Amino acid sequence: MWAGLLVGVLLGLFTTGHAWLGIIAAGIGFGALWGAVFGYAAHAATRGQRDFSSVRGLTAMRYDLVARDGSTERARAMLTEAGLLPA
């Protein structure tokens, strides 16, 4: 519809009187029609299936631990105590 409005306004610049309103309305109508036709064709071409898959959540497979000098063993002990690392 917006493309039809643009074309209608551009064509309406070259008309005088009340005819430009009809040209803009016709442009909107043709734009909506073409949008519907191309939308239907795109939907029919993919058989209604989208090209992405949605997921409910994102879960990390692994974590990297970054610790300052001297705190590595303490961090490892805390992770082992929390059950996140094997004993």
PDB file of N, CA and C in Angstrom:
ATOM      1  N   MET A   1       0.815  -1.172   0.000  1.00  0.00           N
ATOM      2  CA  MET A   1       0.000   0.000   0.000  1.00  0.00           C
ATOM      3  C   MET A   1       0.874   1.257   0.000  1.00  0.00           C
ATOM      4  N   TRP A   2       1.969   1.220   0.771  1.00  0.00           N
ATOM      5  CA  TRP A   2       2.838   2.401   0.842  1.00  0.00           C
ATOM      6  C   TRP A   2       3.517   2.675  -0.495  1.00  0.00           C
ATOM      7  N   ALA A   3       3.910   1.615  -1.194  1.00  0.00           N
ATOM      8  CA  ALA A   3       4.517   1.813  -2.512  1.00  0.00           C
ATOM      9  C   ALA A   3       3.490   2.404  -3.470  1.00  0.00           C
ATOM     10  N   GLY A   4       2.257   1.946  -3.394  1.00  0.00           N
ATOM     11  CA  GLY A   4       1.193   2.499  -4.228  1.00  0.00           C
ATOM     12  C   GLY A   4       0.914   3.949  -3.887  1.00  0.00           C
ATOM     13  N   LEU A   5       0.962   4.290  -2.611  1.00  0.00           N
ATOM     14  CA  LEU A   5       0.777   5.684  -2.204  1.00  0.00           C
ATOM     15  C   LEU A   5       1.888   6.556  -2.769  1.00  0.00           C
ATOM     16  N   LEU A   6       3.113   6.059  -2.723  1.00  0.00           N
ATOM     17  CA  LEU A   6       4.242   6.812  -3.278  1.00  0.00           C
ATOM     18  C   LEU A   6       4.063   7.049  -4.775  1.00  0.00           C
ATOM     19  N   VAL A   7       3.712   6.007  -5.499  1.00  0.00           N
ATOM     20  CA  VAL A   7       3.502   6.145  -6.943  1.00  0.00           C
ATOM     21  C   VAL A   7       2.332   7.081  -7.217  1.00  0.00           C
ATOM     22  N   GLY A   8       1.263   6.940  -6.436  1.00  0.00           N
ATOM     23  CA  GLY A   8       0.111   7.819  -6.623  1.00  0.00           C
ATOM     24  C   GLY A   8       0.447   9.277  -6.364  1.00  0.00           C
ATOM     25  N   VAL A   9       1.225   9.543  -5.334  1.00  0.00           N
ATOM     26  CA  VAL A   9       1.621  10.925  -5.035  1.00  0.00           C
ATOM     27  C   VAL A   9       2.524  11.464  -6.136  1.00  0.00           C
ATOM     28  N   LEU A  10       3.456  10.644  -6.603  1.00  0.00           N
ATOM     29  CA  LEU A  10       4.354  11.096  -7.668  1.00  0.00           C
ATOM     30  C   LEU A  10       3.590  11.372  -8.958  1.00  0.00           C
ATOM     31  N   LEU A  11       2.638  10.523  -9.293  1.00  0.00           N
ATOM     32  CA  LEU A  11       1.823  10.778 -10.486  1.00  0.00           C
ATOM     33  C   LEU A  11       0.878  11.947 -10.254  1.00  0.00           C
ATOM     34  N   GLY A  12       0.422  12.097  -9.020  1.00  0.00           N
ATOM     35  CA  GLY A  12      -0.485  13.185  -8.695  1.00  0.00           C
ATOM     36  C   GLY A  12       0.162  14.554  -8.803  1.00  0.00           C
ATOM     37  N   LEU A  13       1.469  14.609  -8.773  1.00  0.00           N
ATOM     38  CA  LEU A  13       2.163  15.886  -8.907  1.00  0.00           C
ATOM     39  C   LEU A  13       1.963  16.498 -10.299  1.00  0.00           C
ATOM     40  N   PHE A  14       1.665  15.666 -11.278  1.00  0.00           N
ATOM     41  CA  PHE A  14       1.528  16.129 -12.651  1.00  0.00           C
ATOM     42  C   PHE A  14       0.078  16.350 -13.068  1.00  0.00           C
ATOM     43  N   THR A  15      -0.838  16.307 -12.100  1.00  0.00           N
ATOM     44  CA  THR A  15      -2.250  16.525 -12.410  1.00  0.00           C
ATOM     45  C   THR A  15      -2.734  17.800 -11.726  1.00  0.00           C
ATOM     46  N   THR A  16      -3.865  18.265 -12.170  1.00  0.00           N
ATOM     47  CA  THR A  16      -4.449  19.464 -11.574  1.00  0.00           C
ATOM     48  C   THR A  16      -5.875  19.159 -11.134  1.00  0.00           C
ATOM     49  N   GLY A  17      -6.406  19.971 -10.255  1.00  0.00           N
ATOM     50  CA  GLY A  17      -7.788  19.811  -9.807  1.00  0.00           C
ATOM     51  C   GLY A  17      -7.942  18.647  -8.847  1.00  0.00           C
ATOM     52  N   HIS A  18      -9.142  18.087  -8.863  1.00  0.00           N
ATOM     53  CA  HIS A  18      -9.460  16.987  -7.948  1.00  0.00           C
ATOM     54  C   HIS A  18      -9.031  15.625  -8.480  1.00  0.00           C
ATOM     55  N   ALA A  19      -8.475  15.579  -9.658  1.00  0.00           N
ATOM     56  CA  ALA A  19      -8.062  14.304 -10.252  1.00  0.00           C
ATOM     57  C   ALA A  19      -6.919  13.656  -9.458  1.00  0.00           C
ATOM     58  N   TRP A  20      -6.117  14.462  -8.772  1.00  0.00           N
ATOM     59  CA  TRP A  20      -4.982  13.885  -8.045  1.00  0.00           C
ATOM     60  C   TRP A  20      -5.445  13.011  -6.892  1.00  0.00           C
ATOM     61  N   LEU A  21      -6.609  13.314  -6.312  1.00  0.00           N
ATOM     62  CA  LEU A  21      -7.134  12.464  -5.238  1.00  0.00           C
ATOM     63  C   LEU A  21      -7.476  11.075  -5.770  1.00  0.00           C
ATOM     64  N   GLY A  22      -8.065  11.018  -6.962  1.00  0.00           N
ATOM     65  CA  GLY A  22      -8.382   9.724  -7.573  1.00  0.00           C
ATOM     66  C   GLY A  22      -7.129   8.932  -7.916  1.00  0.00           C
ATOM     67  N   ILE A  23      -6.106   9.631  -8.387  1.00  0.00           N
ATOM     68  CA  ILE A  23      -4.849   8.955  -8.727  1.00  0.00           C
ATOM     69  C   ILE A  23      -4.193   8.394  -7.473  1.00  0.00           C
ATOM     70  N   ILE A  24      -4.205   9.161  -6.379  1.00  0.00           N
ATOM     71  CA  ILE A  24      -3.626   8.670  -5.123  1.00  0.00           C
ATOM     72  C   ILE A  24      -4.416   7.474  -4.604  1.00  0.00           C
ATOM     73  N   ALA A  25      -5.751   7.555  -4.655  1.00  0.00           N
ATOM     74  CA  ALA A  25      -6.583   6.430  -4.204  1.00  0.00           C
ATOM     75  C   ALA A  25      -6.346   5.194  -5.066  1.00  0.00           C
ATOM     76  N   ALA A  26      -6.237   5.374  -6.383  1.00  0.00           N
ATOM     77  CA  ALA A  26      -5.962   4.239  -7.267  1.00  0.00           C
ATOM     78  C   ALA A  26      -4.580   3.652  -6.969  1.00  0.00           C
ATOM     79  N   GLY A  27      -3.595   4.529  -6.706  1.00  0.00           N
ATOM     80  CA  GLY A  27      -2.258   4.045  -6.361  1.00  0.00           C
ATOM     81  C   GLY A  27      -2.261   3.220  -5.084  1.00  0.00           C
ATOM     82  N   ILE A  28      -2.997   3.676  -4.082  1.00  0.00           N
ATOM     83  CA  ILE A  28      -3.107   2.919  -2.827  1.00  0.00           C
ATOM     84  C   ILE A  28      -3.783   1.575  -3.082  1.00  0.00           C
ATOM     85  N   GLY A  29      -4.848   1.584  -3.876  1.00  0.00           N
ATOM     86  CA  GLY A  29      -5.556   0.328  -4.176  1.00  0.00           C
ATOM     87  C   GLY A  29      -4.676  -0.665  -4.918  1.00  0.00           C
ATOM     88  N   PHE A  30      -3.981  -0.181  -5.960  1.00  0.00           N
ATOM     89  CA  PHE A  30      -3.094  -1.080  -6.711  1.00  0.00           C
ATOM     90  C   PHE A  30      -1.915  -1.551  -5.851  1.00  0.00           C
ATOM     91  N   GLY A  31      -1.402  -0.672  -5.003  1.00  0.00           N
ATOM     92  CA  GLY A  31      -0.308  -1.071  -4.113  1.00  0.00           C
ATOM     93  C   GLY A  31      -0.739  -2.148  -3.136  1.00  0.00           C
ATOM     94  N   ALA A  32      -1.940  -2.010  -2.583  1.00  0.00           N
ATOM     95  CA  ALA A  32      -2.461  -3.030  -1.670  1.00  0.00           C
ATOM     96  C   ALA A  32      -2.708  -4.342  -2.407  1.00  0.00           C
ATOM     97  N   LEU A  33      -3.231  -4.249  -3.626  1.00  0.00           N
ATOM     98  CA  LEU A  33      -3.479  -5.456  -4.419  1.00  0.00           C
ATOM     99  C   LEU A  33      -2.180  -6.182  -4.741  1.00  0.00           C
ATOM    100  N   TRP A  34      -1.169  -5.448  -5.225  1.00  0.00           N
ATOM    101  CA  TRP A  34       0.114  -6.075  -5.547  1.00  0.00           C
ATOM    102  C   TRP A  34       0.780  -6.638  -4.292  1.00  0.00           C
ATOM    103  N   GLY A  35       0.666  -5.932  -3.179  1.00  0.00           N
ATOM    104  CA  GLY A  35       1.224  -6.448  -1.929  1.00  0.00           C
ATOM    105  C   GLY A  35       0.573  -7.761  -1.514  1.00  0.00           C
ATOM    106  N   ALA A  36      -0.749  -7.832  -1.684  1.00  0.00           N
ATOM    107  CA  ALA A  36      -1.457  -9.066  -1.347  1.00  0.00           C
ATOM    108  C   ALA A  36      -1.058 -10.201  -2.285  1.00  0.00           C
ATOM    109  N   VAL A  37      -0.941  -9.909  -3.581  1.00  0.00           N
ATOM    110  CA  VAL A  37      -0.564 -10.941  -4.554  1.00  0.00           C
ATOM    111  C   VAL A  37       0.844 -11.467  -4.263  1.00  0.00           C
ATOM    112  N   PHE A  38       1.800 -10.562  -4.057  1.00  0.00           N
ATOM    113  CA  PHE A  38       3.168 -11.009  -3.783  1.00  0.00           C
ATOM    114  C   PHE A  38       3.293 -11.687  -2.412  1.00  0.00           C
ATOM    115  N   GLY A  39       2.532 -11.231  -1.437  1.00  0.00           N
ATOM    116  CA  GLY A  39       2.526 -11.894  -0.131  1.00  0.00           C
ATOM    117  C   GLY A  39       1.995 -13.314  -0.219  1.00  0.00           C
ATOM    118  N   TYR A  40       0.911 -13.480  -0.993  1.00  0.00           N
ATOM    119  CA  TYR A  40       0.350 -14.816  -1.181  1.00  0.00           C
ATOM    120  C   TYR A  40       1.331 -15.715  -1.932  1.00  0.00           C
ATOM    121  N   ALA A  41       1.984 -15.167  -2.953  1.00  0.00           N
ATOM    122  CA  ALA A  41       2.953 -15.958  -3.725  1.00  0.00           C
ATOM    123  C   ALA A  41       4.132 -16.380  -2.853  1.00  0.00           C
ATOM    124  N   ALA A  42       4.617 -15.487  -2.014  1.00  0.00           N
ATOM    125  CA  ALA A  42       5.731 -15.830  -1.125  1.00  0.00           C
ATOM    126  C   ALA A  42       5.305 -16.877  -0.105  1.00  0.00           C
ATOM    127  N   HIS A  43       4.092 -16.745   0.407  1.00  0.00           N
ATOM    128  CA  HIS A  43       3.575 -17.728   1.370  1.00  0.00           C
ATOM    129  C   HIS A  43       3.389 -19.093   0.707  1.00  0.00           C
ATOM    130  N   ALA A  44       2.877 -19.099  -0.522  1.00  0.00           N
ATOM    131  CA  ALA A  44       2.664 -20.357  -1.242  1.00  0.00           C
ATOM    132  C   ALA A  44       3.989 -21.006  -1.629  1.00  0.00           C
ATOM    133  N   ALA A  45       4.995 -20.189  -1.941  1.00  0.00           N
ATOM    134  CA  ALA A  45       6.292 -20.748  -2.341  1.00  0.00           C
ATOM    135  C   ALA A  45       6.985 -21.473  -1.191  1.00  0.00           C
ATOM    136  N   THR A  46       6.804 -20.997   0.031  1.00  0.00           N
ATOM    137  CA  THR A  46       7.433 -21.654   1.194  1.00  0.00           C
ATOM    138  C   THR A  46       6.467 -22.604   1.885  1.00  0.00           C
ATOM    139  N   ARG A  47       5.276 -22.753   1.321  1.00  0.00           N
ATOM    140  CA  ARG A  47       4.224 -23.612   1.881  1.00  0.00           C
ATOM    141  C   ARG A  47       3.904 -23.265   3.329  1.00  0.00           C
ATOM    142  N   GLY A  48       4.005 -21.979   3.660  1.00  0.00           N
ATOM    143  CA  GLY A  48       3.619 -21.516   4.986  1.00  0.00           C
ATOM    144  C   GLY A  48       4.635 -21.748   6.077  1.00  0.00           C
ATOM    145  N   GLN A  49       5.784 -22.288   5.730  1.00  0.00           N
ATOM    146  CA  GLN A  49       6.787 -22.567   6.750  1.00  0.00           C
ATOM    147  C   GLN A  49       7.743 -21.392   6.852  1.00  0.00           C
ATOM    148  N   ARG A  50       8.121 -21.069   8.051  1.00  0.00           N
ATOM    149  CA  ARG A  50       9.044 -19.967   8.259  1.00  0.00           C
ATOM    150  C   ARG A  50      10.472 -20.469   8.136  1.00  0.00           C
ATOM    151  N   ASP A  51      11.379 -19.540   7.938  1.00  0.00           N
ATOM    152  CA  ASP A  51      12.770 -19.932   7.730  1.00  0.00           C
ATOM    153  C   ASP A  51      13.606 -19.823   9.004  1.00  0.00           C
ATOM    154  N   PHE A  52      12.968 -19.822  10.139  1.00  0.00           N
ATOM    155  CA  PHE A  52      13.700 -19.802  11.397  1.00  0.00           C
ATOM    156  C   PHE A  52      12.989 -20.729  12.372  1.00  0.00           C
ATOM    157  N   SER A  53      13.686 -21.124  13.404  1.00  0.00           N
ATOM    158  CA  SER A  53      13.075 -21.940  14.445  1.00  0.00           C
ATOM    159  C   SER A  53      13.233 -21.206  15.767  1.00  0.00           C
ATOM    160  N   SER A  54      12.188 -21.193  16.539  1.00  0.00           N
ATOM    161  CA  SER A  54      12.249 -20.494  17.815  1.00  0.00           C
ATOM    162  C   SER A  54      12.542 -21.485  18.933  1.00  0.00           C
ATOM    163  N   VAL A  55      13.217 -21.019  19.940  1.00  0.00           N
ATOM    164  CA  VAL A  55      13.536 -21.832  21.107  1.00  0.00           C
ATOM    165  C   VAL A  55      13.058 -21.090  22.349  1.00  0.00           C
ATOM    166  N   ARG A  56      12.736 -21.841  23.379  1.00  0.00           N
ATOM    167  CA  ARG A  56      12.250 -21.229  24.608  1.00  0.00           C
ATOM    168  C   ARG A  56      13.390 -20.668  25.452  1.00  0.00           C
ATOM    169  N   GLY A  57      14.523 -21.286  25.405  1.00  0.00           N
ATOM    170  CA  GLY A  57      15.627 -20.827  26.235  1.00  0.00           C
ATOM    171  C   GLY A  57      16.960 -21.168  25.612  1.00  0.00           C
ATOM    172  N   LEU A  58      17.986 -20.560  26.132  1.00  0.00           N
ATOM    173  CA  LEU A  58      19.333 -20.780  25.639  1.00  0.00           C
ATOM    174  C   LEU A  58      20.160 -21.321  26.796  1.00  0.00           C
ATOM    175  N   THR A  59      20.760 -22.479  26.608  1.00  0.00           N
ATOM    176  CA  THR A  59      21.545 -23.104  27.654  1.00  0.00           C
ATOM    177  C   THR A  59      22.963 -23.313  27.157  1.00  0.00           C
ATOM    178  N   ALA A  60      23.921 -22.911  27.970  1.00  0.00           N
ATOM    179  CA  ALA A  60      25.324 -23.072  27.596  1.00  0.00           C
ATOM    180  C   ALA A  60      25.747 -24.522  27.746  1.00  0.00           C
ATOM    181  N   MET A  61      26.565 -25.002  26.824  1.00  0.00           N
ATOM    182  CA  MET A  61      27.086 -26.362  26.898  1.00  0.00           C
ATOM    183  C   MET A  61      28.303 -26.440  27.807  1.00  0.00           C
ATOM    184  N   ARG A  62      29.026 -25.340  27.901  1.00  0.00           N
ATOM    185  CA  ARG A  62      30.186 -25.304  28.780  1.00  0.00           C
ATOM    186  C   ARG A  62      30.421 -23.868  29.214  1.00  0.00           C
ATOM    187  N   TYR A  63      31.176 -23.712  30.299  1.00  0.00           N
ATOM    188  CA  TYR A  63      31.507 -22.391  30.823  1.00  0.00           C
ATOM    189  C   TYR A  63      33.018 -22.266  30.910  1.00  0.00           C
ATOM    190  N   ASP A  64      33.527 -21.079  30.668  1.00  0.00           N
ATOM    191  CA  ASP A  64      34.950 -20.800  30.852  1.00  0.00           C
ATOM    192  C   ASP A  64      35.110 -20.021  32.135  1.00  0.00           C
ATOM    193  N   LEU A  65      36.079 -20.430  32.945  1.00  0.00           N
ATOM    194  CA  LEU A  65      36.342 -19.771  34.209  1.00  0.00           C
ATOM    195  C   LEU A  65      37.572 -18.893  34.056  1.00  0.00           C
ATOM    196  N   VAL A  66      37.411 -17.625  34.365  1.00  0.00           N
ATOM    197  CA  VAL A  66      38.526 -16.694  34.324  1.00  0.00           C
ATOM    198  C   VAL A  66      38.760 -16.222  35.745  1.00  0.00           C
ATOM    199  N   ALA A  67      39.939 -16.510  36.286  1.00  0.00           N
ATOM    200  CA  ALA A  67      40.264 -16.145  37.668  1.00  0.00           C
ATOM    201  C   ALA A  67      41.614 -15.444  37.707  1.00  0.00           C
ATOM    202  N   ARG A  68      41.751 -14.540  38.666  1.00  0.00           N
ATOM    203  CA  ARG A  68      43.019 -13.833  38.839  1.00  0.00           C
ATOM    204  C   ARG A  68      44.047 -14.763  39.462  1.00  0.00           C
ATOM    205  N   ASP A  69      45.292 -14.322  39.427  1.00  0.00           N
ATOM    206  CA  ASP A  69      46.372 -15.128  40.009  1.00  0.00           C
ATOM    207  C   ASP A  69      46.089 -15.421  41.484  1.00  0.00           C
ATOM    208  N   GLY A  70      46.243 -16.654  41.869  1.00  0.00           N
ATOM    209  CA  GLY A  70      46.081 -17.054  43.258  1.00  0.00           C
ATOM    210  C   GLY A  70      44.662 -17.429  43.648  1.00  0.00           C
ATOM    211  N   SER A  71      43.676 -17.125  42.837  1.00  0.00           N
ATOM    212  CA  SER A  71      42.293 -17.435  43.219  1.00  0.00           C
ATOM    213  C   SER A  71      41.720 -18.596  42.415  1.00  0.00           C
ATOM    214  N   THR A  72      42.550 -19.224  41.602  1.00  0.00           N
ATOM    215  CA  THR A  72      42.074 -20.321  40.766  1.00  0.00           C
ATOM    216  C   THR A  72      41.627 -21.506  41.602  1.00  0.00           C
ATOM    217  N   GLU A  73      42.430 -21.893  42.579  1.00  0.00           N
ATOM    218  CA  GLU A  73      42.078 -23.051  43.414  1.00  0.00           C
ATOM    219  C   GLU A  73      40.823 -22.782  44.237  1.00  0.00           C
ATOM    220  N   ARG A  74      40.682 -21.568  44.731  1.00  0.00           N
ATOM    221  CA  ARG A  74      39.483 -21.223  45.516  1.00  0.00           C
ATOM    222  C   ARG A  74      38.236 -21.297  44.628  1.00  0.00           C
ATOM    223  N   ALA A  75      38.330 -20.787  43.407  1.00  0.00           N
ATOM    224  CA  ALA A  75      37.204 -20.832  42.484  1.00  0.00           C
ATOM    225  C   ALA A  75      36.853 -22.268  42.118  1.00  0.00           C
ATOM    226  N   ARG A  76      37.881 -23.089  41.899  1.00  0.00           N
ATOM    227  CA  ARG A  76      37.643 -24.501  41.574  1.00  0.00           C
ATOM    228  C   ARG A  76      36.974 -25.218  42.734  1.00  0.00           C
ATOM    229  N   ALA A  77      37.396 -24.923  43.956  1.00  0.00           N
ATOM    230  CA  ALA A  77      36.796 -25.545  45.135  1.00  0.00           C
ATOM    231  C   ALA A  77      35.336 -25.121  45.285  1.00  0.00           C
ATOM    232  N   MET A  78      35.061 -23.849  45.028  1.00  0.00           N
ATOM    233  CA  MET A  78      33.676 -23.374  45.137  1.00  0.00           C
ATOM    234  C   MET A  78      32.783 -24.022  44.085  1.00  0.00           C
ATOM    235  N   LEU A  79      33.294 -24.190  42.873  1.00  0.00           N
ATOM    236  CA  LEU A  79      32.515 -24.835  41.821  1.00  0.00           C
ATOM    237  C   LEU A  79      32.303 -26.312  42.125  1.00  0.00           C
ATOM    238  N   THR A  80      33.305 -26.976  42.678  1.00  0.00           N
ATOM    239  CA  THR A  80      33.165 -28.382  43.060  1.00  0.00           C
ATOM    240  C   THR A  80      32.150 -28.510  44.174  1.00  0.00           C
ATOM    241  N   GLU A  81      32.188 -27.615  45.147  1.00  0.00           N
ATOM    242  CA  GLU A  81      31.243 -27.631  46.269  1.00  0.00           C
ATOM    243  C   GLU A  81      29.816 -27.390  45.781  1.00  0.00           C
ATOM    244  N   ALA A  82      29.660 -26.558  44.768  1.00  0.00           N
ATOM    245  CA  ALA A  82      28.317 -26.276  44.218  1.00  0.00           C
ATOM    246  C   ALA A  82      27.819 -27.396  43.316  1.00  0.00           C
ATOM    247  N   GLY A  83      28.695 -28.364  42.998  1.00  0.00           N
ATOM    248  CA  GLY A  83      28.296 -29.486  42.159  1.00  0.00           C
ATOM    249  C   GLY A  83      28.430 -29.206  40.674  1.00  0.00           C
ATOM    250  N   LEU A  84      29.110 -28.153  40.322  1.00  0.00           N
ATOM    251  CA  LEU A  84      29.279 -27.823  38.921  1.00  0.00           C
ATOM    252  C   LEU A  84      30.524 -28.431  38.311  1.00  0.00           C
ATOM    253  N   LEU A  85      31.442 -28.910  39.152  1.00  0.00           N
ATOM    254  CA  LEU A  85      32.642 -29.601  38.684  1.00  0.00           C
ATOM    255  C   LEU A  85      32.704 -30.961  39.349  1.00  0.00           C
ATOM    256  N   PRO A  86      33.223 -31.973  38.656  1.00  0.00           N
ATOM    257  CA  PRO A  86      33.367 -33.288  39.296  1.00  0.00           C
ATOM    258  C   PRO A  86      34.418 -33.230  40.399  1.00  0.00           C
ATOM    259  N   ALA A  87      34.197 -34.014  41.421  1.00  0.00           N
ATOM    260  CA  ALA A  87      35.118 -34.012  42.581  1.00  0.00           C
ATOM    261  C   ALA A  87      36.441 -34.688  42.269  1.00  0.00           C
TER     262      ALA A  87
END
